[in-house]
Amino acid sequence: MNTITELKSLPIPERLQLVEDLWDSIALDQEALPDNPQVVEEIRSRKARYKANPGSGMAWDQLKNRIRSGNA
């Protein structure tokens, strides 16, 4: 029997626990994952725009209210 077949034969609660354990292990190892270069570049670009014009930023509460009101 292969591993997938064995896993599929487990009761659902045991399979769910395995998924949770795997997810937790990924979260713990997240620092080991390489950063996506495009995401890093976007963050650097946004930081540079903010530093060039700090008044262009918005507090999280203001932005959240703006999004919720449909004015985003």
PDB file of N, CA and C in Angstrom:
ATOM      1  N   MET A   1       0.855  -1.183   0.000  1.00  0.00           N
ATOM      2  CA  MET A   1       0.000   0.000   0.000  1.00  0.00           C
ATOM      3  C   MET A   1       0.899   1.244   0.000  1.00  0.00           C
ATOM      4  N   ASN A   2       0.560   2.246  -0.836  1.00  0.00           N
ATOM      5  CA  ASN A   2       1.386   3.453  -0.837  1.00  0.00           C
ATOM      6  C   ASN A   2       0.913   4.437   0.226  1.00  0.00           C
ATOM      7  N   THR A   3       1.688   5.447   0.467  1.00  0.00           N
ATOM      8  CA  THR A   3       1.419   6.386   1.546  1.00  0.00           C
ATOM      9  C   THR A   3       0.088   7.107   1.377  1.00  0.00           C
ATOM     10  N   ILE A   4      -0.236   7.561   0.177  1.00  0.00           N
ATOM     11  CA  ILE A   4      -1.490   8.284  -0.056  1.00  0.00           C
ATOM     12  C   ILE A   4      -2.685   7.387   0.251  1.00  0.00           C
ATOM     13  N   THR A   5      -2.618   6.154  -0.210  1.00  0.00           N
ATOM     14  CA  THR A   5      -3.708   5.225   0.060  1.00  0.00           C
ATOM     15  C   THR A   5      -3.851   4.989   1.560  1.00  0.00           C
ATOM     16  N   GLU A   6      -2.722   4.877   2.245  1.00  0.00           N
ATOM     17  CA  GLU A   6      -2.758   4.699   3.698  1.00  0.00           C
ATOM     18  C   GLU A   6      -3.388   5.915   4.373  1.00  0.00           C
ATOM     19  N   LEU A   7      -3.003   7.086   3.933  1.00  0.00           N
ATOM     20  CA  LEU A   7      -3.554   8.304   4.531  1.00  0.00           C
ATOM     21  C   LEU A   7      -5.055   8.408   4.278  1.00  0.00           C
ATOM     22  N   LYS A   8      -5.476   8.084   3.081  1.00  0.00           N
ATOM     23  CA  LYS A   8      -6.900   8.146   2.750  1.00  0.00           C
ATOM     24  C   LYS A   8      -7.726   7.164   3.566  1.00  0.00           C
ATOM     25  N   SER A   9      -7.091   6.109   4.036  1.00  0.00           N
ATOM     26  CA  SER A   9      -7.831   5.115   4.810  1.00  0.00           C
ATOM     27  C   SER A   9      -7.985   5.516   6.285  1.00  0.00           C
ATOM     28  N   LEU A  10      -7.290   6.564   6.705  1.00  0.00           N
ATOM     29  CA  LEU A  10      -7.412   7.029   8.090  1.00  0.00           C
ATOM     30  C   LEU A  10      -8.781   7.681   8.305  1.00  0.00           C
ATOM     31  N   PRO A  11      -9.289   7.634   9.512  1.00  0.00           N
ATOM     32  CA  PRO A  11     -10.541   8.351   9.810  1.00  0.00           C
ATOM     33  C   PRO A  11     -10.341   9.861   9.619  1.00  0.00           C
ATOM     34  N   ILE A  12     -11.408  10.535   9.287  1.00  0.00           N
ATOM     35  CA  ILE A  12     -11.332  11.970   9.008  1.00  0.00           C
ATOM     36  C   ILE A  12     -10.696  12.762  10.155  1.00  0.00           C
ATOM     37  N   PRO A  13     -11.051  12.527  11.405  1.00  0.00           N
ATOM     38  CA  PRO A  13     -10.403  13.303  12.480  1.00  0.00           C
ATOM     39  C   PRO A  13      -8.882  13.142  12.499  1.00  0.00           C
ATOM     40  N   GLU A  14      -8.400  11.953  12.193  1.00  0.00           N
ATOM     41  CA  GLU A  14      -6.949  11.748  12.162  1.00  0.00           C
ATOM     42  C   GLU A  14      -6.316  12.464  10.980  1.00  0.00           C
ATOM     43  N   ARG A  15      -6.997  12.455   9.832  1.00  0.00           N
ATOM     44  CA  ARG A  15      -6.488  13.173   8.664  1.00  0.00           C
ATOM     45  C   ARG A  15      -6.470  14.678   8.925  1.00  0.00           C
ATOM     46  N   LEU A  16      -7.508  15.181   9.566  1.00  0.00           N
ATOM     47  CA  LEU A  16      -7.539  16.607   9.893  1.00  0.00           C
ATOM     48  C   LEU A  16      -6.407  16.974  10.849  1.00  0.00           C
ATOM     49  N   GLN A  17      -6.132  16.111  11.809  1.00  0.00           N
ATOM     50  CA  GLN A  17      -5.039  16.373  12.733  1.00  0.00           C
ATOM     51  C   GLN A  17      -3.696  16.390  11.999  1.00  0.00           C
ATOM     52  N   LEU A  18      -3.534  15.491  11.033  1.00  0.00           N
ATOM     53  CA  LEU A  18      -2.308  15.486  10.235  1.00  0.00           C
ATOM     54  C   LEU A  18      -2.154  16.781   9.442  1.00  0.00           C
ATOM     55  N   VAL A  19      -3.247  17.237   8.856  1.00  0.00           N
ATOM     56  CA  VAL A  19      -3.211  18.501   8.101  1.00  0.00           C
ATOM     57  C   VAL A  19      -2.822  19.644   9.028  1.00  0.00           C
ATOM     58  N   GLU A  20      -3.423  19.680  10.204  1.00  0.00           N
ATOM     59  CA  GLU A  20      -3.102  20.735  11.165  1.00  0.00           C
ATOM     60  C   GLU A  20      -1.631  20.672  11.575  1.00  0.00           C
ATOM     61  N   ASP A  21      -1.144  19.469  11.828  1.00  0.00           N
ATOM     62  CA  ASP A  21       0.258  19.313  12.212  1.00  0.00           C
ATOM     63  C   ASP A  21       1.201  19.745  11.095  1.00  0.00           C
ATOM     64  N   LEU A  22       0.859  19.389   9.860  1.00  0.00           N
ATOM     65  CA  LEU A  22       1.676  19.817   8.722  1.00  0.00           C
ATOM     66  C   LEU A  22       1.671  21.331   8.571  1.00  0.00           C
ATOM     67  N   TRP A  23       0.468  21.918   8.690  1.00  0.00           N
ATOM     68  CA  TRP A  23       0.351  23.368   8.559  1.00  0.00           C
ATOM     69  C   TRP A  23       1.181  24.077   9.629  1.00  0.00           C
ATOM     70  N   ASP A  24       1.104  23.585  10.863  1.00  0.00           N
ATOM     71  CA  ASP A  24       1.888  24.175  11.949  1.00  0.00           C
ATOM     72  C   ASP A  24       3.379  24.051  11.682  1.00  0.00           C
ATOM     73  N   SER A  25       3.795  22.922  11.135  1.00  0.00           N
ATOM     74  CA  SER A  25       5.226  22.748  10.861  1.00  0.00           C
ATOM     75  C   SER A  25       5.691  23.698   9.757  1.00  0.00           C
ATOM     76  N   ILE A  26       4.837  23.957   8.783  1.00  0.00           N
ATOM     77  CA  ILE A  26       5.181  24.910   7.720  1.00  0.00           C
ATOM     78  C   ILE A  26       5.298  26.312   8.310  1.00  0.00           C
ATOM     79  N   ALA A  27       4.374  26.668   9.177  1.00  0.00           N
ATOM     80  CA  ALA A  27       4.407  27.997   9.798  1.00  0.00           C
ATOM     81  C   ALA A  27       5.691  28.171  10.601  1.00  0.00           C
ATOM     82  N   LEU A  28       6.120  27.143  11.298  1.00  0.00           N
ATOM     83  CA  LEU A  28       7.351  27.229  12.086  1.00  0.00           C
ATOM     84  C   LEU A  28       8.583  27.356  11.202  1.00  0.00           C
ATOM     85  N   ASP A  29       8.533  26.730  10.032  1.00  0.00           N
ATOM     86  CA  ASP A  29       9.676  26.753   9.118  1.00  0.00           C
ATOM     87  C   ASP A  29       9.607  27.887   8.108  1.00  0.00           C
ATOM     88  N   GLN A  30       8.633  28.764   8.245  1.00  0.00           N
ATOM     89  CA  GLN A  30       8.410  29.809   7.242  1.00  0.00           C
ATOM     90  C   GLN A  30       9.644  30.674   7.026  1.00  0.00           C
ATOM     91  N   GLU A  31      10.410  30.899   8.077  1.00  0.00           N
ATOM     92  CA  GLU A  31      11.612  31.724   7.935  1.00  0.00           C
ATOM     93  C   GLU A  31      12.617  31.091   6.988  1.00  0.00           C
ATOM     94  N   ALA A  32      12.559  29.781   6.809  1.00  0.00           N
ATOM     95  CA  ALA A  32      13.486  29.087   5.927  1.00  0.00           C
ATOM     96  C   ALA A  32      13.114  29.257   4.458  1.00  0.00           C
ATOM     97  N   LEU A  33      11.872  29.712   4.188  1.00  0.00           N
ATOM     98  CA  LEU A  33      11.442  29.891   2.810  1.00  0.00           C
ATOM     99  C   LEU A  33      12.094  31.145   2.217  1.00  0.00           C
ATOM    100  N   PRO A  34      12.521  31.070   0.970  1.00  0.00           N
ATOM    101  CA  PRO A  34      13.117  32.252   0.351  1.00  0.00           C
ATOM    102  C   PRO A  34      12.038  33.306   0.091  1.00  0.00           C
ATOM    103  N   ASP A  35      12.434  34.568   0.183  1.00  0.00           N
ATOM    104  CA  ASP A  35      11.506  35.655  -0.121  1.00  0.00           C
ATOM    105  C   ASP A  35      11.289  35.726  -1.626  1.00  0.00           C
ATOM    106  N   ASN A  36      10.070  36.033  -2.005  1.00  0.00           N
ATOM    107  CA  ASN A  36       9.745  36.211  -3.413  1.00  0.00           C
ATOM    108  C   ASN A  36      10.353  37.545  -3.856  1.00  0.00           C
ATOM    109  N   PRO A  37      11.246  37.549  -4.839  1.00  0.00           N
ATOM    110  CA  PRO A  37      11.917  38.792  -5.253  1.00  0.00           C
ATOM    111  C   PRO A  37      10.942  39.878  -5.698  1.00  0.00           C
ATOM    112  N   GLN A  38       9.833  39.500  -6.324  1.00  0.00           N
ATOM    113  CA  GLN A  38       8.861  40.503  -6.773  1.00  0.00           C
ATOM    114  C   GLN A  38       8.174  41.161  -5.584  1.00  0.00           C
ATOM    115  N   VAL A  39       7.884  40.382  -4.554  1.00  0.00           N
ATOM    116  CA  VAL A  39       7.256  40.937  -3.354  1.00  0.00           C
ATOM    117  C   VAL A  39       8.233  41.862  -2.644  1.00  0.00           C
ATOM    118  N   VAL A  40       9.474  41.440  -2.527  1.00  0.00           N
ATOM    119  CA  VAL A  40      10.497  42.268  -1.882  1.00  0.00           C
ATOM    120  C   VAL A  40      10.647  43.588  -2.632  1.00  0.00           C
ATOM    121  N   GLU A  41      10.680  43.543  -3.954  1.00  0.00           N
ATOM    122  CA  GLU A  41      10.823  44.767  -4.753  1.00  0.00           C
ATOM    123  C   GLU A  41       9.620  45.681  -4.566  1.00  0.00           C
ATOM    124  N   GLU A  42       8.415  45.120  -4.507  1.00  0.00           N
ATOM    125  CA  GLU A  42       7.214  45.933  -4.299  1.00  0.00           C
ATOM    126  C   GLU A  42       7.246  46.609  -2.936  1.00  0.00           C
ATOM    127  N   ILE A  43       7.668  45.888  -1.917  1.00  0.00           N
ATOM    128  CA  ILE A  43       7.765  46.466  -0.571  1.00  0.00           C
ATOM    129  C   ILE A  43       8.784  47.603  -0.563  1.00  0.00           C
ATOM    130  N   ARG A  44       9.916  47.387  -1.188  1.00  0.00           N
ATOM    131  CA  ARG A  44      10.946  48.447  -1.250  1.00  0.00           C
ATOM    132  C   ARG A  44      10.428  49.671  -2.002  1.00  0.00           C
ATOM    133  N   SER A  45       9.705  49.429  -3.089  1.00  0.00           N
ATOM    134  CA  SER A  45       9.151  50.524  -3.878  1.00  0.00           C
ATOM    135  C   SER A  45       8.142  51.332  -3.058  1.00  0.00           C
ATOM    136  N   ARG A  46       7.264  50.641  -2.354  1.00  0.00           N
ATOM    137  CA  ARG A  46       6.260  51.340  -1.535  1.00  0.00           C
ATOM    138  C   ARG A  46       6.919  52.113  -0.394  1.00  0.00           C
ATOM    139  N   LYS A  47       7.942  51.524   0.192  1.00  0.00           N
ATOM    140  CA  LYS A  47       8.653  52.201   1.282  1.00  0.00           C
ATOM    141  C   LYS A  47       9.327  53.472   0.761  1.00  0.00           C
ATOM    142  N   ALA A  48       9.926  53.395  -0.411  1.00  0.00           N
ATOM    143  CA  ALA A  48      10.580  54.565  -1.004  1.00  0.00           C
ATOM    144  C   ALA A  48       9.564  55.663  -1.311  1.00  0.00           C
ATOM    145  N   ARG A  49       8.381  55.267  -1.847  1.00  0.00           N
ATOM    146  CA  ARG A  49       7.345  56.272  -2.131  1.00  0.00           C
ATOM    147  C   ARG A  49       6.857  56.924  -0.840  1.00  0.00           C
ATOM    148  N   TYR A  50       6.722  56.127   0.202  1.00  0.00           N
ATOM    149  CA  TYR A  50       6.279  56.683   1.486  1.00  0.00           C
ATOM    150  C   TYR A  50       7.335  57.629   2.060  1.00  0.00           C
ATOM    151  N   LYS A  51       8.599  57.236   1.991  1.00  0.00           N
ATOM    152  CA  LYS A  51       9.664  58.095   2.528  1.00  0.00           C
ATOM    153  C   LYS A  51       9.741  59.411   1.757  1.00  0.00           C
ATOM    154  N   ALA A  52       9.465  59.359   0.456  1.00  0.00           N
ATOM    155  CA  ALA A  52       9.497  60.568  -0.361  1.00  0.00           C
ATOM    156  C   ALA A  52       8.317  61.475  -0.053  1.00  0.00           C
ATOM    157  N   ASN A  53       7.197  60.896   0.425  1.00  0.00           N
ATOM    158  CA  ASN A  53       6.010  61.678   0.714  1.00  0.00           C
ATOM    159  C   ASN A  53       5.259  61.046   1.890  1.00  0.00           C
ATOM    160  N   PRO A  54       5.756  61.230   3.128  1.00  0.00           N
ATOM    161  CA  PRO A  54       5.128  60.589   4.289  1.00  0.00           C
ATOM    162  C   PRO A  54       3.657  60.955   4.473  1.00  0.00           C
ATOM    163  N   GLY A  55       3.247  62.102   4.020  1.00  0.00           N
ATOM    164  CA  GLY A  55       1.862  62.519   4.148  1.00  0.00           C
ATOM    165  C   GLY A  55       0.913  61.719   3.281  1.00  0.00           C
ATOM    166  N   SER A  56       1.453  60.935   2.378  1.00  0.00           N
ATOM    167  CA  SER A  56       0.600  60.143   1.490  1.00  0.00           C
ATOM    168  C   SER A  56       0.077  58.886   2.170  1.00  0.00           C
ATOM    169  N   GLY A  57       0.652  58.548   3.311  1.00  0.00           N
ATOM    170  CA  GLY A  57       0.230  57.352   4.028  1.00  0.00           C
ATOM    171  C   GLY A  57      -1.085  57.568   4.753  1.00  0.00           C
ATOM    172  N   MET A  58      -1.656  56.469   5.225  1.00  0.00           N
ATOM    173  CA  MET A  58      -2.926  56.529   5.924  1.00  0.00           C
ATOM    174  C   MET A  58      -2.888  55.530   7.069  1.00  0.00           C
ATOM    175  N   ALA A  59      -3.435  55.909   8.203  1.00  0.00           N
ATOM    176  CA  ALA A  59      -3.504  55.000   9.343  1.00  0.00           C
ATOM    177  C   ALA A  59      -4.404  53.821   8.992  1.00  0.00           C
ATOM    178  N   TRP A  60      -4.101  52.656   9.571  1.00  0.00           N
ATOM    179  CA  TRP A  60      -4.865  51.455   9.280  1.00  0.00           C
ATOM    180  C   TRP A  60      -6.352  51.647   9.561  1.00  0.00           C
ATOM    181  N   ASP A  61      -6.698  52.262  10.678  1.00  0.00           N
ATOM    182  CA  ASP A  61      -8.116  52.462  10.999  1.00  0.00           C
ATOM    183  C   ASP A  61      -8.821  53.308   9.940  1.00  0.00           C
ATOM    184  N   GLN A  62      -8.144  54.341   9.458  1.00  0.00           N
ATOM    185  CA  GLN A  62      -8.734  55.185   8.420  1.00  0.00           C
ATOM    186  C   GLN A  62      -8.953  54.391   7.131  1.00  0.00           C
ATOM    187  N   LEU A  63      -7.928  53.624   6.753  1.00  0.00           N
ATOM    188  CA  LEU A  63      -8.027  52.833   5.527  1.00  0.00           C
ATOM    189  C   LEU A  63      -9.123  51.787   5.642  1.00  0.00           C
ATOM    190  N   LYS A  64      -9.180  51.118   6.784  1.00  0.00           N
ATOM    191  CA  LYS A  64     -10.196  50.095   7.003  1.00  0.00           C
ATOM    192  C   LYS A  64     -11.595  50.695   6.878  1.00  0.00           C
ATOM    193  N   ASN A  65     -11.817  51.856   7.478  1.00  0.00           N
ATOM    194  CA  ASN A  65     -13.114  52.522   7.389  1.00  0.00           C
ATOM    195  C   ASN A  65     -13.429  52.935   5.958  1.00  0.00           C
ATOM    196  N   ARG A  66     -12.412  53.376   5.255  1.00  0.00           N
ATOM    197  CA  ARG A  66     -12.585  53.791   3.864  1.00  0.00           C
ATOM    198  C   ARG A  66     -12.981  52.584   2.995  1.00  0.00           C
ATOM    199  N   ILE A  67     -12.319  51.461   3.222  1.00  0.00           N
ATOM    200  CA  ILE A  67     -12.651  50.254   2.467  1.00  0.00           C
ATOM    201  C   ILE A  67     -14.065  49.797   2.772  1.00  0.00           C
ATOM    202  N   ARG A  68     -14.404  49.779   4.045  1.00  0.00           N
ATOM    203  CA  ARG A  68     -15.735  49.318   4.453  1.00  0.00           C
ATOM    204  C   ARG A  68     -16.838  50.212   3.937  1.00  0.00           C
ATOM    205  N   SER A  69     -16.551  51.493   3.773  1.00  0.00           N
ATOM    206  CA  SER A  69     -17.583  52.414   3.280  1.00  0.00           C
ATOM    207  C   SER A  69     -17.678  52.407   1.757  1.00  0.00           C
ATOM    208  N   GLY A  70     -16.765  51.690   1.109  1.00  0.00           N
ATOM    209  CA  GLY A  70     -16.796  51.599  -0.345  1.00  0.00           C
ATOM    210  C   GLY A  70     -16.100  52.744  -1.047  1.00  0.00           C
ATOM    211  N   ASN A  71     -15.309  53.516  -0.309  1.00  0.00           N
ATOM    212  CA  ASN A  71     -14.619  54.670  -0.891  1.00  0.00           C
ATOM    213  C   ASN A  71     -13.139  54.399  -1.150  1.00  0.00           C
ATOM    214  N   ALA A  72     -12.786  53.158  -1.232  1.00  0.00           N
ATOM    215  CA  ALA A  72     -11.367  52.815  -1.409  1.00  0.00           C
ATOM    216  C   ALA A  72     -10.942  52.948  -2.849  1.00  0.00           C
TER     217      ALA A  72
END
